[in-house]
Structures are given as structure tokens and as C-alpha cells.
Amino acid sequence: CFSKPHPCMLLEIMDDLGVPQARTLMIGDTSHDLQMAINAGVPAVGVGYGAHPRESLMALSPLACADDFGALSRWLSAHA
């Protein structure tokens, strides 16, 4: 498979699991993850406690950017 941000990886996962784009959410800690989601036509949520700083993730307009696991869990509970 091509490396991120090419959408192939995410598209293959969706295909293997039988999950359509409309029911997929990419959660990522790098700009490569979020750009892959954009390229695959899938919404994304950034996590600012990983490899890339929050500012880099926000530049790609994710639905949200969680600062810790608790914030991510709360966002998923409210929006899933």
C-alpha cells in the first residue's frame, strides 16, 4: 500500500471491514493522518498529544482536536 497521506491505506481498511465512507472517522496524531482522511473523503479528529503539535493538525480543519484521551472519549460519546 502507498504511504500516508495517500488514501489507499484507509480505503483498503474500509473495504476490508465493509464500512462506507459515511460511517468512517479517522483519528490521527499527525498531519499525514488527517491529510489521508481528506484524500479519502473521510472526516477526521486530531489528537494533539501525539507526534505533531495541535497547531499543525488544526491547519487541516479536523472536526475537533482532543488534547488528551479523556477529551477524545467525551467528543466521541457526544458525536458518535
Protein backbone atom coordinates (compact mmCIF):
# COMPACT_ATOMS: atom_id res chain seq x y z
CA CYS A 1 0.00 0.00 0.00
CA PHE A 2 1.11 3.57 -0.57
CA SER A 3 2.26 5.53 2.45
CA LYS A 4 0.28 8.35 4.04
CA PRO A 5 -1.13 10.76 3.01
CA HIS A 6 -2.19 8.64 0.04
CA PRO A 7 -5.75 7.41 0.77
CA CYS A 8 -5.08 3.78 -0.22
CA MET A 9 -4.49 2.54 3.34
CA LEU A 10 -7.72 3.98 4.68
CA LEU A 11 -9.72 2.93 1.64
CA GLU A 12 -8.42 -0.65 1.95
CA ILE A 13 -9.34 -0.78 5.64
CA MET A 14 -12.86 0.46 4.90
CA ASP A 15 -13.20 -2.07 2.09
CA ASP A 16 -11.89 -4.97 4.20
CA LEU A 17 -14.29 -4.10 7.03
CA GLY A 18 -17.21 -3.29 4.74
CA VAL A 19 -17.59 0.17 6.23
CA PRO A 20 -18.60 3.05 3.92
CA GLN A 21 -17.02 6.49 3.98
CA ALA A 22 -20.17 7.92 5.59
CA ARG A 23 -19.60 5.70 8.66
CA THR A 24 -15.84 6.19 8.94
CA LEU A 25 -13.92 8.59 11.17
CA MET A 26 -10.14 8.88 11.04
CA ILE A 27 -8.48 9.69 14.35
CA GLY A 28 -4.90 10.77 13.92
CA ASP A 29 -1.96 12.40 15.65
CA THR A 30 -0.10 13.59 12.55
CA SER A 31 -0.84 15.90 9.68
CA HIS A 32 -0.23 12.87 7.42
CA ASP A 33 -3.15 11.06 9.09
CA LEU A 34 -5.51 13.99 8.66
CA GLN A 35 -4.43 14.61 5.06
CA MET A 36 -5.03 10.92 4.32
CA ALA A 37 -8.57 11.32 5.67
CA ILE A 38 -9.12 14.36 3.44
CA ASN A 39 -7.78 12.44 0.45
CA ALA A 40 -10.11 9.52 1.22
CA GLY A 41 -13.14 11.78 1.69
CA VAL A 42 -13.48 10.84 5.36
CA PRO A 43 -13.93 13.19 8.33
CA ALA A 44 -11.16 13.29 10.91
CA VAL A 45 -10.45 14.15 14.52
CA GLY A 46 -6.97 15.13 15.56
CA VAL A 47 -5.30 14.20 18.81
CA GLY A 48 -2.86 16.85 19.93
CA TYR A 49 -1.00 14.60 22.36
CA GLY A 50 0.84 12.63 19.69
CA ALA A 51 3.55 13.19 17.12
CA HIS A 52 2.52 16.56 15.64
CA PRO A 53 1.55 19.70 17.53
CA ARG A 54 -2.10 20.74 17.77
CA GLU A 55 -1.50 23.76 15.52
CA SER A 56 -0.34 21.54 12.64
CA LEU A 57 -3.45 19.40 12.99
CA MET A 58 -5.85 22.34 13.23
CA ALA A 59 -4.46 23.71 9.96
CA LEU A 60 -6.17 20.73 8.25
CA SER A 61 -9.61 21.58 9.72
CA PRO A 62 -10.47 18.37 11.59
CA LEU A 63 -13.89 18.11 13.21
CA ALA A 64 -12.14 18.52 16.56
CA CYS A 65 -8.74 18.18 18.16
CA ALA A 66 -8.57 16.44 21.53
CA ASP A 67 -5.81 17.30 23.97
CA ASP A 68 -5.97 14.01 25.89
CA PHE A 69 -7.69 10.61 25.94
CA GLY A 70 -10.49 11.91 28.15
CA ALA A 71 -11.31 14.73 25.75
CA LEU A 72 -11.32 12.31 22.82
CA SER A 73 -13.62 9.93 24.69
CA ARG A 74 -16.02 12.75 25.58
CA TRP A 75 -16.06 14.01 21.98
CA LEU A 76 -16.76 10.52 20.63
CA SER A 77 -19.54 9.97 23.17
CA ALA A 78 -21.18 13.24 22.19
CA HIS A 79 -20.78 12.90 18.43
CA ALA A 80 -20.71 9.19 17.57
